[in-house]
Amino acid sequence: MSEQSEYVSVVVQNSIATIEFYHPQSNSLPGHILTRLADTIASVSHTADVKVMILRSAGEKIFCAGASFDELAAIGTEAEGLQFFSGFAKVINAMRKAPQLIIARVQGKCIGGGVGLAASADYAIATTGADVKLSELAVGIGPFVVGPAVERKMGLSAFSQLAIDAGRWRSAEWAGRNGLFAEVYTDIAGVDDAVEKLSATLAQSSTEAMQDIKKIFWQGTDNWDDLLMERAAISGRLILSEYSKNFIRKFKEAAAAKNRQG
């Protein structure tokens, strides 16, 4: 795909809405894609004949690489930082508020905000290649916005392990044992089969019962509209530090050198 082919799409069939996003840079999430993703989830959540959502990304190797480093490098003020990181807050809150159950189809690695997306789904099905990493501390910020979602799903111990050891990949099996993934399969075909079967079953289930059980799943999160914006402000301030600017510059230089080498 070309770099102009980034997108967020939605297809509704048999009461199942499949929302897919793509970005050529490892399914990273620049601000405009975050906005479109949040708006799409919110719009679909108000569609009467949709009983279940599937959240997925295109490609095979990476589910979501998290924040776009190009946009991180361009942030020049705390207000711009808040605006960017609030995009993740809006997506998480859209998933939280949707009355439908959301299944995440995780076909590859999850980094930073990608872990947050998987954690914000009500049920995540992954491949054995779906290793996870919260790399934010290495960048000089922290997983402040996605933290509440990850901690809610995995518990404080697993969340703190990911947050502190920011350079280490954890396996999909580890993520499954710690509650991030409900099911782990050896290949994408197995994931797709499991997603298809579960979504079809849920599409035939009681709408009222599913909505009521989702409310129970998300009890205690009514303050997240404010909380996640407060967390976004922390990231927006820290990304301006000399440490973060140097890290992003070196990361982009290394990536450019790797591209030149072929």
C-alpha atoms as a PDB file:
ATOM      1  CA  MET A   1       0.000   0.000   0.000  1.00  0.00           C
ATOM      2  CA  SER A   2       1.134   3.572  -0.605  1.00  0.00           C
ATOM      3  CA  GLU A   3       1.590   6.129   2.123  1.00  0.00           C
ATOM      4  CA  GLN A   4      -1.564   7.858   0.904  1.00  0.00           C
ATOM      5  CA  SER A   5      -3.693   4.812   1.686  1.00  0.00           C
ATOM      6  CA  GLU A   6      -4.131   5.270   5.429  1.00  0.00           C
ATOM      7  CA  TYR A   7      -7.737   4.803   6.446  1.00  0.00           C
ATOM      8  CA  VAL A   8     -10.400   3.965   8.980  1.00  0.00           C
ATOM      9  CA  SER A   9     -13.239   1.910   7.516  1.00  0.00           C
ATOM     10  CA  VAL A  10     -16.398   0.280   8.794  1.00  0.00           C
ATOM     11  CA  VAL A  11     -18.501  -2.532   7.346  1.00  0.00           C
ATOM     12  CA  VAL A  12     -21.791  -3.609   8.934  1.00  0.00           C
ATOM     13  CA  GLN A  13     -23.139  -7.061   8.157  1.00  0.00           C
ATOM     14  CA  ASN A  14     -25.481  -9.337  10.090  1.00  0.00           C
ATOM     15  CA  SER A  15     -25.546  -6.927  13.060  1.00  0.00           C
ATOM     16  CA  ILE A  16     -21.728  -6.999  13.271  1.00  0.00           C
ATOM     17  CA  ALA A  17     -19.722  -3.826  12.650  1.00  0.00           C
ATOM     18  CA  THR A  18     -16.118  -4.427  11.620  1.00  0.00           C
ATOM     19  CA  ILE A  19     -13.962  -1.336  12.119  1.00  0.00           C
ATOM     20  CA  GLU A  20     -10.536  -1.465  10.511  1.00  0.00           C
ATOM     21  CA  PHE A  21      -7.685   1.040  10.613  1.00  0.00           C
ATOM     22  CA  TYR A  22      -4.455   1.230   8.661  1.00  0.00           C
ATOM     23  CA  HIS A  23      -1.373   3.417   8.547  1.00  0.00           C
ATOM     24  CA  PRO A  24       1.693   2.623   6.427  1.00  0.00           C
ATOM     25  CA  GLN A  25       4.044   3.279   9.328  1.00  0.00           C
ATOM     26  CA  SER A  26       3.341   0.038  11.210  1.00  0.00           C
ATOM     27  CA  ASN A  27      -0.280   0.986  11.902  1.00  0.00           C
ATOM     28  CA  SER A  28       0.861   3.902  14.040  1.00  0.00           C
ATOM     29  CA  LEU A  29      -1.763   6.415  15.060  1.00  0.00           C
ATOM     30  CA  PRO A  30      -1.385  10.078  14.086  1.00  0.00           C
ATOM     31  CA  GLY A  31      -3.896  12.545  15.477  1.00  0.00           C
ATOM     32  CA  HIS A  32      -6.268  12.566  12.519  1.00  0.00           C
ATOM     33  CA  ILE A  33      -6.498   8.760  12.504  1.00  0.00           C
ATOM     34  CA  LEU A  34      -7.192   8.772  16.253  1.00  0.00           C
ATOM     35  CA  THR A  35      -9.981  11.289  15.684  1.00  0.00           C
ATOM     36  CA  ARG A  36     -11.500   9.257  12.861  1.00  0.00           C
ATOM     37  CA  LEU A  37     -11.258   6.070  14.877  1.00  0.00           C
ATOM     38  CA  ALA A  38     -12.943   7.632  17.925  1.00  0.00           C
ATOM     39  CA  ASP A  39     -15.654   9.219  15.758  1.00  0.00           C
ATOM     40  CA  THR A  40     -16.272   5.958  13.894  1.00  0.00           C
ATOM     41  CA  ILE A  41     -16.636   3.933  17.094  1.00  0.00           C
ATOM     42  CA  ALA A  42     -18.956   6.561  18.573  1.00  0.00           C
ATOM     43  CA  SER A  43     -21.077   6.688  15.419  1.00  0.00           C
ATOM     44  CA  VAL A  44     -21.368   2.910  15.167  1.00  0.00           C
ATOM     45  CA  SER A  45     -22.241   2.689  18.855  1.00  0.00           C
ATOM     46  CA  HIS A  46     -25.441   4.613  18.092  1.00  0.00           C
ATOM     47  CA  THR A  47     -26.437   2.361  15.179  1.00  0.00           C
ATOM     48  CA  ALA A  48     -29.496   0.454  16.332  1.00  0.00           C
ATOM     49  CA  ASP A  49     -28.952  -2.717  14.302  1.00  0.00           C
ATOM     50  CA  VAL A  50     -25.314  -3.188  15.413  1.00  0.00           C
ATOM     51  CA  LYS A  51     -25.050  -5.689  18.265  1.00  0.00           C
ATOM     52  CA  VAL A  52     -21.296  -6.287  18.337  1.00  0.00           C
ATOM     53  CA  MET A  53     -18.155  -4.555  17.071  1.00  0.00           C
ATOM     54  CA  ILE A  54     -14.882  -6.002  15.810  1.00  0.00           C
ATOM     55  CA  LEU A  55     -11.818  -3.754  15.985  1.00  0.00           C
ATOM     56  CA  ARG A  56      -8.972  -4.762  13.701  1.00  0.00           C
ATOM     57  CA  SER A  57      -6.076  -3.364  11.717  1.00  0.00           C
ATOM     58  CA  ALA A  58      -4.737  -4.184   8.282  1.00  0.00           C
ATOM     59  CA  GLY A  59      -1.565  -6.125   7.597  1.00  0.00           C
ATOM     60  CA  GLU A  60      -0.071  -9.081   9.419  1.00  0.00           C
ATOM     61  CA  LYS A  61       2.945  -8.212  11.552  1.00  0.00           C
ATOM     62  CA  ILE A  62       1.848  -5.257  13.696  1.00  0.00           C
ATOM     63  CA  PHE A  63      -1.583  -4.638  15.159  1.00  0.00           C
ATOM     64  CA  CYS A  64      -0.707  -1.115  16.260  1.00  0.00           C
ATOM     65  CA  ALA A  65       2.603   0.676  16.856  1.00  0.00           C
ATOM     66  CA  GLY A  66       1.011   3.354  19.047  1.00  0.00           C
ATOM     67  CA  ALA A  67       1.786   7.032  18.744  1.00  0.00           C
ATOM     68  CA  SER A  68       3.120   8.432  15.479  1.00  0.00           C
ATOM     69  CA  PHE A  69       6.739   9.513  16.006  1.00  0.00           C
ATOM     70  CA  ASP A  70       6.389  12.078  13.229  1.00  0.00           C
ATOM     71  CA  GLU A  71       3.684  13.820  15.218  1.00  0.00           C
ATOM     72  CA  LEU A  72       5.533  13.432  18.511  1.00  0.00           C
ATOM     73  CA  ALA A  73       8.536  15.161  16.931  1.00  0.00           C
ATOM     74  CA  ALA A  74       6.336  18.031  15.719  1.00  0.00           C
ATOM     75  CA  ILE A  75       4.785  18.823  19.113  1.00  0.00           C
ATOM     76  CA  GLY A  76       6.015  22.249  20.211  1.00  0.00           C
ATOM     77  CA  THR A  77       3.743  23.307  23.067  1.00  0.00           C
ATOM     78  CA  GLU A  78       1.915  21.719  25.977  1.00  0.00           C
ATOM     79  CA  ALA A  79      -1.385  22.571  24.269  1.00  0.00           C
ATOM     80  CA  GLU A  80      -0.308  20.678  21.151  1.00  0.00           C
ATOM     81  CA  GLY A  81       0.824  17.785  23.335  1.00  0.00           C
ATOM     82  CA  LEU A  82      -2.499  17.687  25.131  1.00  0.00           C
ATOM     83  CA  GLN A  83      -4.358  17.760  21.828  1.00  0.00           C
ATOM     84  CA  PHE A  84      -2.378  14.819  20.443  1.00  0.00           C
ATOM     85  CA  PHE A  85      -2.512  12.551  23.482  1.00  0.00           C
ATOM     86  CA  SER A  86      -6.184  13.351  24.049  1.00  0.00           C
ATOM     87  CA  GLY A  87      -6.778  11.426  20.814  1.00  0.00           C
ATOM     88  CA  PHE A  88      -5.958   8.191  22.624  1.00  0.00           C
ATOM     89  CA  ALA A  89      -8.245   9.258  25.472  1.00  0.00           C
ATOM     90  CA  LYS A  90     -11.111   9.802  23.047  1.00  0.00           C
ATOM     91  CA  VAL A  91     -10.689   6.383  21.427  1.00  0.00           C
ATOM     92  CA  ILE A  92     -10.566   4.587  24.779  1.00  0.00           C
ATOM     93  CA  ASN A  93     -13.589   6.475  26.049  1.00  0.00           C
ATOM     94  CA  ALA A  94     -15.505   5.775  22.838  1.00  0.00           C
ATOM     95  CA  MET A  95     -14.840   2.058  23.322  1.00  0.00           C
ATOM     96  CA  ARG A  96     -15.781   2.291  26.989  1.00  0.00           C
ATOM     97  CA  LYS A  97     -19.063   4.078  26.310  1.00  0.00           C
ATOM     98  CA  ALA A  98     -20.184   1.960  23.369  1.00  0.00           C
ATOM     99  CA  PRO A  99     -23.074  -0.209  24.564  1.00  0.00           C
ATOM    100  CA  GLN A 100     -21.985  -3.019  22.255  1.00  0.00           C
ATOM    101  CA  LEU A 101     -19.362  -5.559  23.228  1.00  0.00           C
ATOM    102  CA  ILE A 102     -16.123  -4.986  21.293  1.00  0.00           C
ATOM    103  CA  ILE A 103     -13.866  -7.812  20.103  1.00  0.00           C
ATOM    104  CA  ALA A 104     -10.260  -6.916  19.245  1.00  0.00           C
ATOM    105  CA  ARG A 105      -8.691  -8.999  16.482  1.00  0.00           C
ATOM    106  CA  VAL A 106      -4.981  -8.736  17.291  1.00  0.00           C
ATOM    107  CA  GLN A 107      -2.942 -10.208  14.438  1.00  0.00           C
ATOM    108  CA  GLY A 108       0.458  -8.805  15.408  1.00  0.00           C
ATOM    109  CA  LYS A 109       2.556  -6.817  17.838  1.00  0.00           C
ATOM    110  CA  CYS A 110       1.072  -4.171  20.131  1.00  0.00           C
ATOM    111  CA  ILE A 111       3.175  -1.201  21.185  1.00  0.00           C
ATOM    112  CA  GLY A 112       2.165   1.603  23.543  1.00  0.00           C
ATOM    113  CA  GLY A 113      -1.242   2.828  22.466  1.00  0.00           C
ATOM    114  CA  GLY A 114      -1.786  -0.465  20.659  1.00  0.00           C
ATOM    115  CA  VAL A 115      -1.748  -2.219  24.033  1.00  0.00           C
ATOM    116  CA  GLY A 116      -4.291   0.353  25.174  1.00  0.00           C
ATOM    117  CA  LEU A 117      -6.608  -0.497  22.288  1.00  0.00           C
ATOM    118  CA  ALA A 118      -6.420  -4.222  23.049  1.00  0.00           C
ATOM    119  CA  ALA A 119      -7.041  -3.542  26.733  1.00  0.00           C
ATOM    120  CA  SER A 120     -10.038  -1.337  25.970  1.00  0.00           C
ATOM    121  CA  ALA A 121     -11.748  -4.080  23.989  1.00  0.00           C
ATOM    122  CA  ASP A 122     -14.111  -6.291  25.936  1.00  0.00           C
ATOM    123  CA  TYR A 123     -12.583  -9.444  24.460  1.00  0.00           C
ATOM    124  CA  ALA A 124      -9.263  -9.730  22.613  1.00  0.00           C
ATOM    125  CA  ILE A 125      -8.227 -12.644  20.402  1.00  0.00           C
ATOM    126  CA  ALA A 126      -4.584 -12.732  19.318  1.00  0.00           C
ATOM    127  CA  THR A 127      -1.902 -14.685  17.485  1.00  0.00           C
ATOM    128  CA  THR A 128       1.242 -16.005  19.131  1.00  0.00           C
ATOM    129  CA  GLY A 129       3.072 -13.241  17.264  1.00  0.00           C
ATOM    130  CA  ALA A 130       1.177 -10.544  19.148  1.00  0.00           C
ATOM    131  CA  ASP A 131       3.967  -9.575  21.537  1.00  0.00           C
ATOM    132  CA  VAL A 132       3.297  -6.497  23.671  1.00  0.00           C
ATOM    133  CA  LYS A 133       5.386  -3.597  24.939  1.00  0.00           C
ATOM    134  CA  LEU A 134       4.646  -0.329  26.707  1.00  0.00           C
ATOM    135  CA  SER A 135       7.592   1.690  25.396  1.00  0.00           C
ATOM    136  CA  GLU A 136       6.536   5.100  26.711  1.00  0.00           C
ATOM    137  CA  LEU A 137       9.006   5.369  29.609  1.00  0.00           C
ATOM    138  CA  ALA A 138      11.878   4.773  27.190  1.00  0.00           C
ATOM    139  CA  VAL A 139      10.621   7.758  25.183  1.00  0.00           C
ATOM    140  CA  GLY A 140      10.676   9.937  28.291  1.00  0.00           C
ATOM    141  CA  ILE A 141       6.957   9.995  28.948  1.00  0.00           C
ATOM    142  CA  GLY A 142       4.898   7.122  30.363  1.00  0.00           C
ATOM    143  CA  PRO A 143       1.776   5.083  29.602  1.00  0.00           C
ATOM    144  CA  PHE A 144      -0.387   7.662  31.334  1.00  0.00           C
ATOM    145  CA  VAL A 145      -3.404   7.698  29.012  1.00  0.00           C
ATOM    146  CA  VAL A 146      -3.588   3.978  28.296  1.00  0.00           C
ATOM    147  CA  GLY A 147      -2.582   3.055  31.839  1.00  0.00           C
ATOM    148  CA  PRO A 148      -6.068   2.948  33.361  1.00  0.00           C
ATOM    149  CA  ALA A 149      -7.301   0.655  30.575  1.00  0.00           C
ATOM    150  CA  VAL A 150      -4.303  -1.665  30.838  1.00  0.00           C
ATOM    151  CA  GLU A 151      -4.433  -1.773  34.639  1.00  0.00           C
ATOM    152  CA  ARG A 152      -8.171  -2.437  34.576  1.00  0.00           C
ATOM    153  CA  LYS A 153      -7.704  -5.411  32.270  1.00  0.00           C
ATOM    154  CA  MET A 154      -4.415  -6.862  33.542  1.00  0.00           C
ATOM    155  CA  GLY A 155      -4.101  -5.683  37.143  1.00  0.00           C
ATOM    156  CA  LEU A 156      -1.536  -3.382  38.731  1.00  0.00           C
ATOM    157  CA  SER A 157       1.262  -5.961  38.825  1.00  0.00           C
ATOM    158  CA  ALA A 158       1.255  -6.786  35.104  1.00  0.00           C
ATOM    159  CA  PHE A 159       0.709  -3.143  34.171  1.00  0.00           C
ATOM    160  CA  SER A 160       3.655  -2.038  36.304  1.00  0.00           C
ATOM    161  CA  GLN A 161       5.892  -4.708  34.760  1.00  0.00           C
ATOM    162  CA  LEU A 162       5.075  -3.422  31.277  1.00  0.00           C
ATOM    163  CA  ALA A 163       5.407   0.231  32.292  1.00  0.00           C
ATOM    164  CA  ILE A 164       8.725  -0.122  34.123  1.00  0.00           C
ATOM    165  CA  ASP A 165      10.582  -2.494  31.769  1.00  0.00           C
ATOM    166  CA  ALA A 166       9.722  -0.353  28.764  1.00  0.00           C
ATOM    167  CA  GLY A 167      12.228  -1.863  26.363  1.00  0.00           C
ATOM    168  CA  ARG A 168      11.199  -5.470  26.831  1.00  0.00           C
ATOM    169  CA  TRP A 169       8.773  -7.395  24.665  1.00  0.00           C
ATOM    170  CA  ARG A 170       6.347  -9.681  26.502  1.00  0.00           C
ATOM    171  CA  SER A 171       4.973 -12.651  24.619  1.00  0.00           C
ATOM    172  CA  ALA A 172       1.368 -13.088  23.580  1.00  0.00           C
ATOM    173  CA  GLU A 173       1.238 -16.077  25.914  1.00  0.00           C
ATOM    174  CA  TRP A 174       2.331 -13.835  28.794  1.00  0.00           C
ATOM    175  CA  ALA A 175      -0.327 -11.304  27.808  1.00  0.00           C
ATOM    176  CA  GLY A 176      -2.895 -14.112  27.738  1.00  0.00           C
ATOM    177  CA  ARG A 177      -1.918 -15.386  31.190  1.00  0.00           C
ATOM    178  CA  ASN A 178      -2.228 -11.858  32.532  1.00  0.00           C
ATOM    179  CA  GLY A 179      -5.661 -11.168  31.079  1.00  0.00           C
ATOM    180  CA  LEU A 180      -4.981  -8.920  28.105  1.00  0.00           C
ATOM    181  CA  PHE A 181      -5.833 -11.607  25.561  1.00  0.00           C
ATOM    182  CA  ALA A 182      -8.744 -13.986  26.089  1.00  0.00           C
ATOM    183  CA  GLU A 183      -7.556 -16.434  23.416  1.00  0.00           C
ATOM    184  CA  VAL A 184      -4.228 -16.944  21.616  1.00  0.00           C
ATOM    185  CA  TYR A 185      -3.847 -18.894  18.345  1.00  0.00           C
ATOM    186  CA  THR A 186      -0.804 -19.973  16.370  1.00  0.00           C
ATOM    187  CA  ASP A 187      -1.859 -18.239  13.169  1.00  0.00           C
ATOM    188  CA  ILE A 188      -4.107 -15.501  11.826  1.00  0.00           C
ATOM    189  CA  ALA A 189      -6.507 -18.028  10.326  1.00  0.00           C
ATOM    190  CA  GLY A 190      -7.182 -19.379  13.811  1.00  0.00           C
ATOM    191  CA  VAL A 191      -7.774 -15.865  15.106  1.00  0.00           C
ATOM    192  CA  ASP A 192     -10.151 -15.015  12.278  1.00  0.00           C
ATOM    193  CA  ASP A 193     -12.110 -18.225  12.800  1.00  0.00           C
ATOM    194  CA  ALA A 194     -12.462 -17.523  16.529  1.00  0.00           C
ATOM    195  CA  VAL A 195     -13.477 -13.900  15.923  1.00  0.00           C
ATOM    196  CA  GLU A 196     -16.056 -14.960  13.339  1.00  0.00           C
ATOM    197  CA  LYS A 197     -17.584 -17.597  15.609  1.00  0.00           C
ATOM    198  CA  LEU A 198     -17.743 -15.388  18.695  1.00  0.00           C
ATOM    199  CA  SER A 199     -19.129 -12.351  16.850  1.00  0.00           C
ATOM    200  CA  ALA A 200     -21.793 -14.509  15.166  1.00  0.00           C
ATOM    201  CA  THR A 201     -22.816 -15.945  18.528  1.00  0.00           C
ATOM    202  CA  LEU A 202     -23.009 -12.491  20.109  1.00  0.00           C
ATOM    203  CA  ALA A 203     -25.017 -11.170  17.149  1.00  0.00           C
ATOM    204  CA  GLN A 204     -27.693 -13.734  18.052  1.00  0.00           C
ATOM    205  CA  SER A 205     -27.586 -12.945  21.770  1.00  0.00           C
ATOM    206  CA  SER A 206     -29.804 -10.640  23.813  1.00  0.00           C
ATOM    207  CA  THR A 207     -28.950  -7.000  23.155  1.00  0.00           C
ATOM    208  CA  GLU A 208     -30.236  -5.937  26.553  1.00  0.00           C
ATOM    209  CA  ALA A 209     -28.274  -8.608  28.390  1.00  0.00           C
ATOM    210  CA  MET A 210     -25.032  -7.730  26.576  1.00  0.00           C
ATOM    211  CA  GLN A 211     -25.477  -4.035  27.281  1.00  0.00           C
ATOM    212  CA  ASP A 212     -26.125  -4.691  30.956  1.00  0.00           C
ATOM    213  CA  ILE A 213     -23.104  -6.950  31.317  1.00  0.00           C
ATOM    214  CA  LYS A 214     -20.883  -4.384  29.605  1.00  0.00           C
ATOM    215  CA  LYS A 215     -21.999  -1.802  32.167  1.00  0.00           C
ATOM    216  CA  ILE A 216     -20.825  -4.185  34.875  1.00  0.00           C
ATOM    217  CA  PHE A 217     -17.485  -4.719  33.139  1.00  0.00           C
ATOM    218  CA  TRP A 218     -16.857  -0.967  33.125  1.00  0.00           C
ATOM    219  CA  GLN A 219     -18.134  -0.062  36.582  1.00  0.00           C
ATOM    220  CA  GLY A 220     -15.958   2.494  38.325  1.00  0.00           C
ATOM    221  CA  THR A 221     -14.814   4.248  35.133  1.00  0.00           C
ATOM    222  CA  ASP A 222     -17.339   7.082  35.029  1.00  0.00           C
ATOM    223  CA  ASN A 223     -14.536   9.557  35.786  1.00  0.00           C
ATOM    224  CA  TRP A 224     -12.442   8.570  32.778  1.00  0.00           C
ATOM    225  CA  ASP A 225     -13.552  11.512  30.623  1.00  0.00           C
ATOM    226  CA  ASP A 226     -11.681  13.757  33.059  1.00  0.00           C
ATOM    227  CA  LEU A 227      -9.019  11.279  34.189  1.00  0.00           C
ATOM    228  CA  LEU A 228      -7.708  10.428  30.733  1.00  0.00           C
ATOM    229  CA  MET A 229      -7.552  14.097  29.745  1.00  0.00           C
ATOM    230  CA  GLU A 230      -5.544  14.802  32.899  1.00  0.00           C
ATOM    231  CA  ARG A 231      -3.203  11.958  31.931  1.00  0.00           C
ATOM    232  CA  ALA A 232      -2.969  13.323  28.371  1.00  0.00           C
ATOM    233  CA  ALA A 233      -1.813  16.642  29.810  1.00  0.00           C
ATOM    234  CA  ILE A 234       1.021  14.882  31.669  1.00  0.00           C
ATOM    235  CA  SER A 235       2.227  13.209  28.479  1.00  0.00           C
ATOM    236  CA  GLY A 236       1.794  16.471  26.598  1.00  0.00           C
ATOM    237  CA  ARG A 237       4.116  18.203  29.061  1.00  0.00           C
ATOM    238  CA  LEU A 238       6.752  15.476  29.248  1.00  0.00           C
ATOM    239  CA  ILE A 239       7.053  15.035  25.483  1.00  0.00           C
ATOM    240  CA  LEU A 240       8.561  18.535  25.367  1.00  0.00           C
ATOM    241  CA  SER A 241      11.509  17.521  27.570  1.00  0.00           C
ATOM    242  CA  GLU A 242      15.022  17.479  26.171  1.00  0.00           C
ATOM    243  CA  TYR A 243      15.188  13.762  26.923  1.00  0.00           C
ATOM    244  CA  SER A 244      12.130  12.995  24.794  1.00  0.00           C
ATOM    245  CA  LYS A 245      13.214  15.258  21.951  1.00  0.00           C
ATOM    246  CA  ASN A 246      16.640  13.588  21.815  1.00  0.00           C
ATOM    247  CA  PHE A 247      15.134  10.099  21.939  1.00  0.00           C
ATOM    248  CA  ILE A 248      12.715  10.821  19.102  1.00  0.00           C
ATOM    249  CA  ARG A 249      15.456  12.454  17.004  1.00  0.00           C
ATOM    250  CA  LYS A 250      17.772   9.456  17.428  1.00  0.00           C
ATOM    251  CA  PHE A 251      14.914   7.034  16.727  1.00  0.00           C
ATOM    252  CA  LYS A 252      14.001   8.814  13.494  1.00  0.00           C
ATOM    253  CA  GLU A 253      17.652   9.012  12.420  1.00  0.00           C
ATOM    254  CA  ALA A 254      18.092   5.280  13.024  1.00  0.00           C
ATOM    255  CA  ALA A 255      14.903   4.502  11.106  1.00  0.00           C
ATOM    256  CA  ALA A 256      16.020   6.680   8.188  1.00  0.00           C
ATOM    257  CA  ALA A 257      19.418   4.987   8.096  1.00  0.00           C
ATOM    258  CA  LYS A 258      17.791   1.568   8.100  1.00  0.00           C
ATOM    259  CA  ASN A 259      15.535   2.574   5.198  1.00  0.00           C
ATOM    260  CA  ARG A 260      18.553   3.807   3.208  1.00  0.00           C
ATOM    261  CA  GLN A 261      20.271   0.470   3.727  1.00  0.00           C
ATOM    262  CA  GLY A 262      17.316  -1.238   2.131  1.00  0.00           C
END
